[in-house]
């Protein structure tokens, strides 16, 4: 399932820049659909693909779409609210409620 790229708040670019200064970063992100994946290593930079999609690039060559990042070194990322809503979805149902 491919989702359209969503612009991210400018504050995240500051976070990405700070993390790029570190020797090691761990990023959790949505891969295909709602599958949570992990990328780790040194962040080499940010690249743009197409007209608006942007990716963090790791020293391993791995690329992570920035709008799908759940957390970066424990800090909430642009997709954190989506992850949180997905994680709490069962609490919103009325199964068994009369």
N, C-alpha and C. Protein backbone atom coordinates (compact mmCIF):
# COMPACT_ATOMS: atom_id res chain seq x y z
N UNK A 1 0.84 -1.17 0.00
CA UNK A 1 0.00 0.00 0.00
C UNK A 1 0.90 1.25 0.00
N UNK A 2 0.76 2.05 -1.00
CA UNK A 2 1.55 3.27 -1.13
C UNK A 2 0.69 4.45 -0.72
N UNK A 3 1.23 5.29 0.13
CA UNK A 3 0.49 6.48 0.55
C UNK A 3 1.13 7.70 -0.09
N UNK A 4 0.32 8.74 -0.28
CA UNK A 4 0.83 9.99 -0.81
C UNK A 4 1.73 10.64 0.23
N UNK A 5 2.73 11.34 -0.23
CA UNK A 5 3.64 12.03 0.66
C UNK A 5 2.91 13.18 1.34
N UNK A 6 3.08 13.28 2.64
CA UNK A 6 2.49 14.37 3.42
C UNK A 6 3.61 15.30 3.86
N UNK A 7 3.45 16.60 3.63
CA UNK A 7 4.49 17.53 4.10
C UNK A 7 4.65 17.42 5.62
N UNK A 8 5.85 17.65 6.10
CA UNK A 8 6.13 17.57 7.54
C UNK A 8 6.37 18.97 8.09
N UNK A 9 6.12 19.13 9.38
CA UNK A 9 6.35 20.42 10.03
C UNK A 9 7.84 20.76 10.00
N UNK A 10 8.17 22.05 9.82
CA UNK A 10 9.57 22.47 9.74
C UNK A 10 10.42 22.05 10.95
N UNK A 11 9.83 21.92 12.12
CA UNK A 11 10.60 21.52 13.31
C UNK A 11 11.28 20.17 13.10
N UNK A 12 10.69 19.29 12.30
CA UNK A 12 11.30 17.97 12.07
C UNK A 12 12.61 18.08 11.29
N UNK A 13 12.74 19.09 10.43
CA UNK A 13 13.99 19.26 9.70
C UNK A 13 15.13 19.59 10.65
N UNK A 14 14.81 20.31 11.73
CA UNK A 14 15.81 20.60 12.76
C UNK A 14 16.22 19.30 13.46
N UNK A 15 15.24 18.46 13.77
CA UNK A 15 15.53 17.17 14.41
C UNK A 15 16.40 16.32 13.49
N UNK A 16 16.05 16.24 12.20
CA UNK A 16 16.83 15.45 11.25
C UNK A 16 18.26 15.97 11.16
N UNK A 17 18.42 17.28 11.17
CA UNK A 17 19.75 17.89 11.10
C UNK A 17 20.57 17.54 12.35
N UNK A 18 19.95 17.62 13.52
CA UNK A 18 20.65 17.27 14.76
C UNK A 18 21.06 15.80 14.76
N UNK A 19 20.18 14.94 14.31
CA UNK A 19 20.47 13.50 14.30
C UNK A 19 21.56 13.16 13.30
N UNK A 20 21.67 13.94 12.26
CA UNK A 20 22.70 13.71 11.25
C UNK A 20 24.10 13.92 11.83
N UNK A 21 24.20 14.69 12.89
CA UNK A 21 25.49 14.95 13.53
C UNK A 21 25.96 13.75 14.37
N UNK A 22 25.06 12.85 14.69
CA UNK A 22 25.39 11.69 15.54
C UNK A 22 25.99 10.57 14.70
N UNK A 23 26.78 9.73 15.35
CA UNK A 23 27.40 8.59 14.67
C UNK A 23 26.44 7.42 14.47
N UNK A 24 25.37 7.38 15.28
CA UNK A 24 24.43 6.27 15.18
C UNK A 24 23.03 6.77 15.50
N UNK A 25 22.09 6.39 14.67
CA UNK A 25 20.69 6.73 14.90
C UNK A 25 19.83 5.50 14.66
N UNK A 26 18.72 5.44 15.37
CA UNK A 26 17.75 4.36 15.19
C UNK A 26 16.41 5.01 14.87
N UNK A 27 15.82 4.59 13.75
CA UNK A 27 14.57 5.15 13.28
C UNK A 27 13.54 4.04 13.11
N UNK A 28 12.37 4.22 13.70
CA UNK A 28 11.24 3.33 13.47
C UNK A 28 10.30 4.07 12.54
N UNK A 29 9.78 3.35 11.56
CA UNK A 29 8.94 3.99 10.55
C UNK A 29 7.94 2.99 9.97
N UNK A 30 6.91 3.53 9.33
CA UNK A 30 5.96 2.68 8.62
C UNK A 30 6.56 2.31 7.27
N UNK A 31 6.68 1.01 7.04
CA UNK A 31 7.16 0.52 5.75
C UNK A 31 5.97 0.36 4.83
N UNK A 32 5.62 -0.87 4.53
CA UNK A 32 4.46 -1.15 3.69
C UNK A 32 3.21 -1.14 4.57
N UNK A 33 2.27 -0.28 4.22
CA UNK A 33 1.03 -0.21 4.99
C UNK A 33 1.30 0.19 6.43
N UNK A 34 0.91 -0.70 7.35
CA UNK A 34 1.09 -0.39 8.77
C UNK A 34 2.22 -1.22 9.40
N UNK A 35 3.07 -1.81 8.57
CA UNK A 35 4.21 -2.57 9.09
C UNK A 35 5.26 -1.61 9.64
N UNK A 36 5.64 -1.81 10.90
CA UNK A 36 6.67 -0.98 11.50
C UNK A 36 8.02 -1.60 11.20
N UNK A 37 8.91 -0.79 10.64
CA UNK A 37 10.25 -1.24 10.29
C UNK A 37 11.27 -0.38 11.01
N UNK A 38 12.52 -0.82 10.97
CA UNK A 38 13.59 -0.11 11.67
C UNK A 38 14.77 0.11 10.72
N UNK A 39 15.35 1.28 10.81
CA UNK A 39 16.59 1.59 10.10
C UNK A 39 17.56 2.11 11.16
N UNK A 40 18.81 1.73 11.02
CA UNK A 40 19.79 2.21 11.99
C UNK A 40 21.14 2.38 11.33
N UNK A 41 21.91 3.27 11.93
CA UNK A 41 23.23 3.59 11.40
C UNK A 41 23.44 5.09 11.39
N UNK A 42 24.41 5.53 10.63
CA UNK A 42 24.71 6.95 10.50
C UNK A 42 23.82 7.54 9.41
N UNK A 43 23.16 8.65 9.72
CA UNK A 43 22.35 9.34 8.73
C UNK A 43 23.27 10.24 7.92
N UNK A 44 23.31 10.00 6.61
CA UNK A 44 24.19 10.78 5.74
C UNK A 44 23.55 12.05 5.22
N UNK A 45 22.24 12.10 5.18
CA UNK A 45 21.59 13.30 4.66
C UNK A 45 20.15 13.09 4.31
N UNK A 46 19.63 14.07 3.63
CA UNK A 46 18.24 14.09 3.21
C UNK A 46 18.23 14.27 1.70
N UNK A 47 17.47 13.44 1.00
CA UNK A 47 17.37 13.59 -0.46
C UNK A 47 15.92 13.75 -0.86
N UNK A 48 15.71 14.36 -2.00
CA UNK A 48 14.37 14.55 -2.54
C UNK A 48 14.22 13.66 -3.76
N UNK A 49 13.08 12.99 -3.86
CA UNK A 49 12.76 12.16 -5.01
C UNK A 49 11.45 12.67 -5.58
N UNK A 50 11.39 12.77 -6.87
CA UNK A 50 10.18 13.31 -7.46
C UNK A 50 10.04 14.78 -7.11
N UNK A 51 8.81 15.24 -7.09
CA UNK A 51 8.62 16.67 -6.83
C UNK A 51 8.58 17.01 -5.35
N UNK A 52 8.11 16.07 -4.49
CA UNK A 52 7.99 16.43 -3.07
C UNK A 52 8.47 15.38 -2.08
N UNK A 53 8.62 14.13 -2.48
CA UNK A 53 9.01 13.10 -1.52
C UNK A 53 10.44 13.30 -1.05
N UNK A 54 10.65 13.20 0.29
CA UNK A 54 11.98 13.35 0.87
C UNK A 54 12.31 12.13 1.72
N UNK A 55 13.58 11.76 1.71
CA UNK A 55 14.05 10.57 2.40
C UNK A 55 15.31 10.86 3.20
N UNK A 56 15.40 10.22 4.39
CA UNK A 56 16.66 10.19 5.13
C UNK A 56 17.48 9.07 4.52
N UNK A 57 18.76 9.31 4.29
CA UNK A 57 19.64 8.30 3.72
C UNK A 57 20.67 7.90 4.78
N UNK A 58 20.80 6.59 4.99
CA UNK A 58 21.74 6.04 5.96
C UNK A 58 23.01 5.59 5.25
N UNK A 59 24.08 5.44 6.04
CA UNK A 59 25.36 5.00 5.48
C UNK A 59 25.27 3.62 4.84
N UNK A 60 24.26 2.84 5.21
CA UNK A 60 24.05 1.52 4.62
C UNK A 60 23.40 1.61 3.23
N UNK A 61 22.94 2.81 2.87
CA UNK A 61 22.23 2.98 1.60
C UNK A 61 20.72 2.94 1.78
N UNK A 62 20.29 2.56 2.97
CA UNK A 62 18.86 2.50 3.25
C UNK A 62 18.26 3.90 3.21
N UNK A 63 17.04 4.00 2.67
CA UNK A 63 16.34 5.27 2.59
C UNK A 63 15.00 5.15 3.29
N UNK A 64 14.65 6.17 4.10
CA UNK A 64 13.41 6.17 4.86
C UNK A 64 12.64 7.45 4.53
N UNK A 65 11.41 7.26 4.07
CA UNK A 65 10.58 8.42 3.74
C UNK A 65 10.27 9.20 5.02
N UNK A 66 10.57 10.49 5.04
CA UNK A 66 10.50 11.25 6.29
C UNK A 66 9.09 11.38 6.85
N UNK A 67 8.08 11.40 6.02
CA UNK A 67 6.72 11.55 6.55
C UNK A 67 6.19 10.27 7.17
N UNK A 68 6.92 9.16 7.04
CA UNK A 68 6.51 7.87 7.59
C UNK A 68 7.29 7.52 8.86
N UNK A 69 8.15 8.45 9.34
CA UNK A 69 8.96 8.20 10.53
C UNK A 69 8.10 8.30 11.79
N UNK A 70 8.12 7.23 12.58
CA UNK A 70 7.39 7.18 13.85
C UNK A 70 8.24 7.79 14.95
N UNK A 71 9.51 7.37 15.02
CA UNK A 71 10.42 7.95 16.01
C UNK A 71 11.84 7.89 15.48
N UNK A 72 12.63 8.83 15.98
CA UNK A 72 14.04 8.90 15.62
C UNK A 72 14.82 9.08 16.92
N UNK A 73 15.56 8.05 17.29
CA UNK A 73 16.27 8.01 18.58
C UNK A 73 15.35 8.35 19.75
N UNK A 74 14.16 7.78 19.72
CA UNK A 74 13.20 7.96 20.81
C UNK A 74 12.37 9.23 20.74
N UNK A 75 12.68 10.12 19.82
CA UNK A 75 11.90 11.35 19.67
C UNK A 75 10.76 11.10 18.69
N UNK A 76 9.55 11.57 19.00
CA UNK A 76 8.43 11.37 18.07
C UNK A 76 8.72 12.00 16.71
N UNK A 77 8.32 11.28 15.67
CA UNK A 77 8.50 11.76 14.31
C UNK A 77 7.17 12.16 13.69
N UNK A 78 7.19 12.54 12.42
CA UNK A 78 5.98 13.00 11.74
C UNK A 78 4.82 12.00 11.75
N UNK A 79 5.09 10.70 11.78
CA UNK A 79 4.03 9.69 11.74
C UNK A 79 3.68 9.15 13.13
N UNK A 80 4.19 9.79 14.19
CA UNK A 80 3.93 9.29 15.54
C UNK A 80 2.44 9.28 15.87
N UNK A 81 1.72 10.34 15.55
CA UNK A 81 0.29 10.40 15.86
C UNK A 81 -0.48 9.29 15.15
N UNK A 82 -0.10 9.00 13.91
CA UNK A 82 -0.74 7.90 13.17
C UNK A 82 -0.47 6.57 13.86
N UNK A 83 0.76 6.37 14.31
CA UNK A 83 1.13 5.15 15.02
C UNK A 83 0.35 5.02 16.32
N UNK A 84 0.28 6.12 17.06
CA UNK A 84 -0.44 6.13 18.34
C UNK A 84 -1.91 5.81 18.13
N UNK A 85 -2.53 6.39 17.11
CA UNK A 85 -3.94 6.13 16.82
C UNK A 85 -4.14 4.67 16.42
N UNK A 86 -3.20 4.13 15.64
CA UNK A 86 -3.28 2.74 15.22
C UNK A 86 -3.14 1.82 16.43
N UNK A 87 -2.23 2.13 17.34
CA UNK A 87 -1.98 1.31 18.52
C UNK A 87 -3.19 1.31 19.47
N UNK A 88 -3.92 2.40 19.50
CA UNK A 88 -5.06 2.52 20.41
C UNK A 88 -6.39 2.16 19.75
N UNK A 89 -6.39 1.71 18.52
CA UNK A 89 -7.61 1.43 17.78
C UNK A 89 -8.51 0.44 18.53
N UNK A 90 -7.95 -0.56 19.16
CA UNK A 90 -8.77 -1.57 19.87
C UNK A 90 -9.49 -0.94 21.06
N UNK A 91 -8.93 0.10 21.62
CA UNK A 91 -9.55 0.72 22.78
C UNK A 91 -10.77 1.56 22.38
N UNK A 92 -10.92 1.82 21.09
CA UNK A 92 -12.03 2.65 20.61
C UNK A 92 -13.23 1.82 20.20
N UNK A 93 -13.10 0.51 20.14
CA UNK A 93 -14.22 -0.32 19.70
C UNK A 93 -15.15 -0.64 20.90
N UNK A 94 -16.32 -1.08 20.56
CA UNK A 94 -17.30 -1.39 21.61
C UNK A 94 -17.61 -2.87 21.66
N UNK A 95 -16.64 -3.69 21.37
CA UNK A 95 -16.84 -5.13 21.38
C UNK A 95 -17.21 -5.58 22.79
N UNK A 96 -18.31 -6.25 22.88
CA UNK A 96 -18.75 -6.77 24.17
C UNK A 96 -19.50 -5.75 25.01
N UNK A 97 -19.55 -4.51 24.58
CA UNK A 97 -20.28 -3.49 25.35
C UNK A 97 -21.77 -3.62 25.05
N UNK A 98 -22.55 -3.51 26.03
CA UNK A 98 -24.01 -3.64 25.85
C UNK A 98 -24.66 -2.31 26.06
